[in-house]
Amino acid sequence: MVSVHGTAERYSEVASFSPATTGFMKNETWSSIFRLLRFGVVGTLNTAISYGVFSLFLFLGLHYSLATLGGGLVGMTLGFKLHGALVFKHSGKGRFVWFALVFVLIYMLSLGIQLLARRGVNGYLAGAIASAITVPISFSLNQVLVFRDTNK
């Protein structure tokens, strides 16, 4: 016969075990991990919409630089609001200029990557390759320059 005496206490000990409570990782680390995951989810949605606009413009016959600009402008506007609210929990008030500067830098980097990539792949894949490279750079720049906590 198995005793159930003390089961709740043992379950409580096991349930409370987590890397954050054992000192393995600080709560700040978990917060950063979850922020990066949120950035990934919001960024995926934003990128899908931006890439859809980019693809539509390519399909309509626009030059890849104009297609990139159109998709990027949609992504910049949507991204500023979504990333500020859902990822960084920051209104971004007074920070749109920094966001726009990051956008311009990412846009130029994306054009350069596409210019190189288009030598060996079609325009659609070149745009996808550019996105894969520029997304992590965009996250870092937005976290450091745009949505940083100015109260610290």
C-alpha atoms as a PDB file:
ATOM      1  CA  MET A   1       0.000   0.000   0.000  1.00  0.00           C
ATOM      2  CA  VAL A   2       1.342   3.414  -1.001  1.00  0.00           C
ATOM      3  CA  SER A   3       1.043   6.290   1.436  1.00  0.00           C
ATOM      4  CA  VAL A   4      -0.222   9.577   0.067  1.00  0.00           C
ATOM      5  CA  HIS A   5       0.795  11.461   3.204  1.00  0.00           C
ATOM      6  CA  GLY A   6       3.082  14.324   2.244  1.00  0.00           C
ATOM      7  CA  THR A   7       2.396  13.970  -1.493  1.00  0.00           C
ATOM      8  CA  ALA A   8       1.173  17.564  -1.796  1.00  0.00           C
ATOM      9  CA  GLU A   9       4.329  18.852  -0.135  1.00  0.00           C
ATOM     10  CA  ARG A  10       6.573  16.797  -2.421  1.00  0.00           C
ATOM     11  CA  TYR A  11       4.569  17.887  -5.466  1.00  0.00           C
ATOM     12  CA  SER A  12       4.899  21.497  -4.375  1.00  0.00           C
ATOM     13  CA  GLU A  13       8.682  21.120  -4.134  1.00  0.00           C
ATOM     14  CA  VAL A  14       8.885  19.563  -7.596  1.00  0.00           C
ATOM     15  CA  ALA A  15       6.457  22.051  -9.142  1.00  0.00           C
ATOM     16  CA  SER A  16       8.411  25.006  -7.789  1.00  0.00           C
ATOM     17  CA  PHE A  17      11.647  23.725  -9.313  1.00  0.00           C
ATOM     18  CA  SER A  18      12.667  25.812 -12.263  1.00  0.00           C
ATOM     19  CA  PRO A  19      15.937  27.214 -13.515  1.00  0.00           C
ATOM     20  CA  ALA A  20      14.832  30.655 -12.331  1.00  0.00           C
ATOM     21  CA  THR A  21      14.087  29.500  -8.754  1.00  0.00           C
ATOM     22  CA  THR A  22      17.245  27.440  -8.404  1.00  0.00           C
ATOM     23  CA  GLY A  23      19.547  30.270  -9.376  1.00  0.00           C
ATOM     24  CA  PHE A  24      20.472  28.504 -12.617  1.00  0.00           C
ATOM     25  CA  MET A  25      19.215  31.464 -14.595  1.00  0.00           C
ATOM     26  CA  LYS A  26      18.113  34.836 -13.312  1.00  0.00           C
ATOM     27  CA  ASN A  27      14.626  36.159 -13.977  1.00  0.00           C
ATOM     28  CA  GLU A  28      16.203  38.810 -16.222  1.00  0.00           C
ATOM     29  CA  THR A  29      17.559  36.034 -18.433  1.00  0.00           C
ATOM     30  CA  TRP A  30      14.126  34.429 -18.722  1.00  0.00           C
ATOM     31  CA  SER A  31      12.640  37.825 -19.477  1.00  0.00           C
ATOM     32  CA  SER A  32      15.153  38.310 -22.290  1.00  0.00           C
ATOM     33  CA  ILE A  33      14.431  34.836 -23.670  1.00  0.00           C
ATOM     34  CA  PHE A  34      10.684  35.470 -23.679  1.00  0.00           C
ATOM     35  CA  ARG A  35      11.234  38.909 -25.255  1.00  0.00           C
ATOM     36  CA  LEU A  36      13.248  37.287 -28.022  1.00  0.00           C
ATOM     37  CA  LEU A  37      10.499  34.681 -28.535  1.00  0.00           C
ATOM     38  CA  ARG A  38       7.847  37.424 -28.705  1.00  0.00           C
ATOM     39  CA  PHE A  39      10.045  39.291 -31.178  1.00  0.00           C
ATOM     40  CA  GLY A  40      10.164  36.120 -33.259  1.00  0.00           C
ATOM     41  CA  VAL A  41       6.390  35.669 -33.268  1.00  0.00           C
ATOM     42  CA  VAL A  42       5.581  39.337 -33.915  1.00  0.00           C
ATOM     43  CA  GLY A  43       8.445  39.570 -36.391  1.00  0.00           C
ATOM     44  CA  THR A  44       7.214  36.501 -38.255  1.00  0.00           C
ATOM     45  CA  LEU A  45       3.764  38.029 -38.630  1.00  0.00           C
ATOM     46  CA  ASN A  46       5.208  41.406 -39.584  1.00  0.00           C
ATOM     47  CA  THR A  47       7.680  39.830 -42.007  1.00  0.00           C
ATOM     48  CA  ALA A  48       4.954  37.708 -43.613  1.00  0.00           C
ATOM     49  CA  ILE A  49       2.854  40.809 -44.233  1.00  0.00           C
ATOM     50  CA  SER A  50       5.855  42.815 -45.468  1.00  0.00           C
ATOM     51  CA  TYR A  51       7.033  39.948 -47.647  1.00  0.00           C
ATOM     52  CA  GLY A  52       3.509  39.620 -49.044  1.00  0.00           C
ATOM     53  CA  VAL A  53       3.548  43.289 -50.051  1.00  0.00           C
ATOM     54  CA  PHE A  54       7.086  42.864 -51.464  1.00  0.00           C
ATOM     55  CA  SER A  55       5.974  39.821 -53.493  1.00  0.00           C
ATOM     56  CA  LEU A  56       2.849  41.558 -54.729  1.00  0.00           C
ATOM     57  CA  PHE A  57       4.913  44.502 -55.950  1.00  0.00           C
ATOM     58  CA  LEU A  58       7.393  42.167 -57.689  1.00  0.00           C
ATOM     59  CA  PHE A  59       4.472  40.333 -59.281  1.00  0.00           C
ATOM     60  CA  LEU A  60       3.096  43.656 -60.509  1.00  0.00           C
ATOM     61  CA  GLY A  61       6.429  44.320 -62.206  1.00  0.00           C
ATOM     62  CA  LEU A  62       8.038  46.844 -59.867  1.00  0.00           C
ATOM     63  CA  HIS A  63      11.824  46.913 -59.572  1.00  0.00           C
ATOM     64  CA  TYR A  64      13.056  44.929 -56.537  1.00  0.00           C
ATOM     65  CA  SER A  65      14.281  48.127 -54.849  1.00  0.00           C
ATOM     66  CA  LEU A  66      10.778  49.645 -55.005  1.00  0.00           C
ATOM     67  CA  ALA A  67       9.188  46.353 -53.959  1.00  0.00           C
ATOM     68  CA  THR A  68      11.558  46.241 -50.989  1.00  0.00           C
ATOM     69  CA  LEU A  69      10.759  49.840 -50.111  1.00  0.00           C
ATOM     70  CA  GLY A  70       6.990  49.240 -50.267  1.00  0.00           C
ATOM     71  CA  GLY A  71       7.166  46.083 -48.174  1.00  0.00           C
ATOM     72  CA  GLY A  72       9.549  47.802 -45.802  1.00  0.00           C
ATOM     73  CA  LEU A  73       7.340  50.841 -45.285  1.00  0.00           C
ATOM     74  CA  VAL A  74       4.399  48.597 -44.419  1.00  0.00           C
ATOM     75  CA  GLY A  75       6.676  46.590 -42.126  1.00  0.00           C
ATOM     76  CA  MET A  76       8.129  49.710 -40.518  1.00  0.00           C
ATOM     77  CA  THR A  77       4.759  51.204 -39.667  1.00  0.00           C
ATOM     78  CA  LEU A  78       3.229  47.960 -38.449  1.00  0.00           C
ATOM     79  CA  GLY A  79       6.440  46.863 -36.757  1.00  0.00           C
ATOM     80  CA  PHE A  80       6.870  50.053 -34.748  1.00  0.00           C
ATOM     81  CA  LYS A  81       3.454  49.644 -33.154  1.00  0.00           C
ATOM     82  CA  LEU A  82       3.490  45.851 -32.713  1.00  0.00           C
ATOM     83  CA  HIS A  83       7.047  45.509 -31.477  1.00  0.00           C
ATOM     84  CA  GLY A  84       6.704  48.428 -29.116  1.00  0.00           C
ATOM     85  CA  ALA A  85       3.459  47.170 -27.601  1.00  0.00           C
ATOM     86  CA  LEU A  86       3.912  43.399 -27.654  1.00  0.00           C
ATOM     87  CA  VAL A  87       7.654  42.777 -27.534  1.00  0.00           C
ATOM     88  CA  PHE A  88       9.350  45.587 -25.671  1.00  0.00           C
ATOM     89  CA  LYS A  89       6.313  46.782 -23.665  1.00  0.00           C
ATOM     90  CA  HIS A  90       7.264  50.313 -24.612  1.00  0.00           C
ATOM     91  CA  SER A  91       5.173  52.945 -26.362  1.00  0.00           C
ATOM     92  CA  GLY A  92       8.133  54.124 -28.379  1.00  0.00           C
ATOM     93  CA  LYS A  93       6.944  57.673 -27.805  1.00  0.00           C
ATOM     94  CA  GLY A  94       9.504  60.047 -29.197  1.00  0.00           C
ATOM     95  CA  ARG A  95      11.541  57.160 -30.629  1.00  0.00           C
ATOM     96  CA  PHE A  96      10.109  56.894 -34.147  1.00  0.00           C
ATOM     97  CA  VAL A  97      13.085  58.753 -35.654  1.00  0.00           C
ATOM     98  CA  TRP A  98      15.416  56.109 -34.204  1.00  0.00           C
ATOM     99  CA  PHE A  99      13.092  53.398 -35.517  1.00  0.00           C
ATOM    100  CA  ALA A 100      13.175  55.013 -38.969  1.00  0.00           C
ATOM    101  CA  LEU A 101      16.990  55.212 -38.873  1.00  0.00           C
ATOM    102  CA  VAL A 102      17.193  51.521 -37.990  1.00  0.00           C
ATOM    103  CA  PHE A 103      14.771  50.845 -40.833  1.00  0.00           C
ATOM    104  CA  VAL A 104      16.922  52.752 -43.334  1.00  0.00           C
ATOM    105  CA  LEU A 105      20.024  50.862 -42.216  1.00  0.00           C
ATOM    106  CA  ILE A 106      18.225  47.509 -42.476  1.00  0.00           C
ATOM    107  CA  TYR A 107      16.753  48.524 -45.851  1.00  0.00           C
ATOM    108  CA  MET A 108      20.198  49.337 -47.248  1.00  0.00           C
ATOM    109  CA  LEU A 109      21.649  46.116 -45.856  1.00  0.00           C
ATOM    110  CA  SER A 110      18.744  44.168 -47.350  1.00  0.00           C
ATOM    111  CA  LEU A 111      19.273  45.751 -50.770  1.00  0.00           C
ATOM    112  CA  GLY A 112      22.972  44.861 -50.659  1.00  0.00           C
ATOM    113  CA  ILE A 113      22.253  41.263 -49.692  1.00  0.00           C
ATOM    114  CA  GLN A 114      19.625  40.978 -52.419  1.00  0.00           C
ATOM    115  CA  LEU A 115      21.977  42.449 -54.999  1.00  0.00           C
ATOM    116  CA  LEU A 116      24.512  39.732 -54.190  1.00  0.00           C
ATOM    117  CA  ALA A 117      21.957  36.942 -53.797  1.00  0.00           C
ATOM    118  CA  ARG A 118      20.189  37.713 -57.089  1.00  0.00           C
ATOM    119  CA  ARG A 119      23.308  36.586 -58.923  1.00  0.00           C
ATOM    120  CA  GLY A 120      22.475  32.998 -58.046  1.00  0.00           C
ATOM    121  CA  VAL A 121      18.789  32.854 -57.063  1.00  0.00           C
ATOM    122  CA  ASN A 122      15.487  34.434 -58.106  1.00  0.00           C
ATOM    123  CA  GLY A 123      14.212  37.662 -56.578  1.00  0.00           C
ATOM    124  CA  TYR A 124      11.765  35.956 -54.208  1.00  0.00           C
ATOM    125  CA  LEU A 125      14.436  33.780 -52.632  1.00  0.00           C
ATOM    126  CA  ALA A 126      16.865  36.705 -52.523  1.00  0.00           C
ATOM    127  CA  GLY A 127      14.289  38.645 -50.475  1.00  0.00           C
ATOM    128  CA  ALA A 128      13.842  35.699 -48.111  1.00  0.00           C
ATOM    129  CA  ILE A 129      17.619  35.341 -47.662  1.00  0.00           C
ATOM    130  CA  ALA A 130      17.912  39.052 -46.917  1.00  0.00           C
ATOM    131  CA  SER A 131      15.136  38.787 -44.302  1.00  0.00           C
ATOM    132  CA  ALA A 132      16.824  35.844 -42.586  1.00  0.00           C
ATOM    133  CA  ILE A 133      20.004  37.873 -42.208  1.00  0.00           C
ATOM    134  CA  THR A 134      18.507  41.246 -41.297  1.00  0.00           C
ATOM    135  CA  VAL A 135      15.887  40.130 -38.735  1.00  0.00           C
ATOM    136  CA  PRO A 136      18.340  39.356 -35.899  1.00  0.00           C
ATOM    137  CA  ILE A 137      20.256  42.547 -36.638  1.00  0.00           C
ATOM    138  CA  SER A 138      17.000  44.498 -36.540  1.00  0.00           C
ATOM    139  CA  PHE A 139      16.093  42.957 -33.154  1.00  0.00           C
ATOM    140  CA  SER A 140      19.399  43.966 -31.628  1.00  0.00           C
ATOM    141  CA  LEU A 141      19.302  47.512 -32.968  1.00  0.00           C
ATOM    142  CA  ASN A 142      15.685  48.023 -31.919  1.00  0.00           C
ATOM    143  CA  GLN A 143      16.360  46.737 -28.422  1.00  0.00           C
ATOM    144  CA  VAL A 144      19.432  48.917 -27.948  1.00  0.00           C
ATOM    145  CA  LEU A 145      18.483  52.101 -29.818  1.00  0.00           C
ATOM    146  CA  VAL A 146      14.708  52.347 -30.082  1.00  0.00           C
ATOM    147  CA  PHE A 147      12.884  50.576 -27.274  1.00  0.00           C
ATOM    148  CA  ARG A 148      15.512  50.774 -24.556  1.00  0.00           C
ATOM    149  CA  ASP A 149      14.390  51.551 -21.046  1.00  0.00           C
ATOM    150  CA  THR A 150      15.180  55.236 -20.663  1.00  0.00           C
ATOM    151  CA  ASN A 151      14.310  55.169 -16.950  1.00  0.00           C
ATOM    152  CA  LYS A 152      17.527  53.358 -15.997  1.00  0.00           C
END
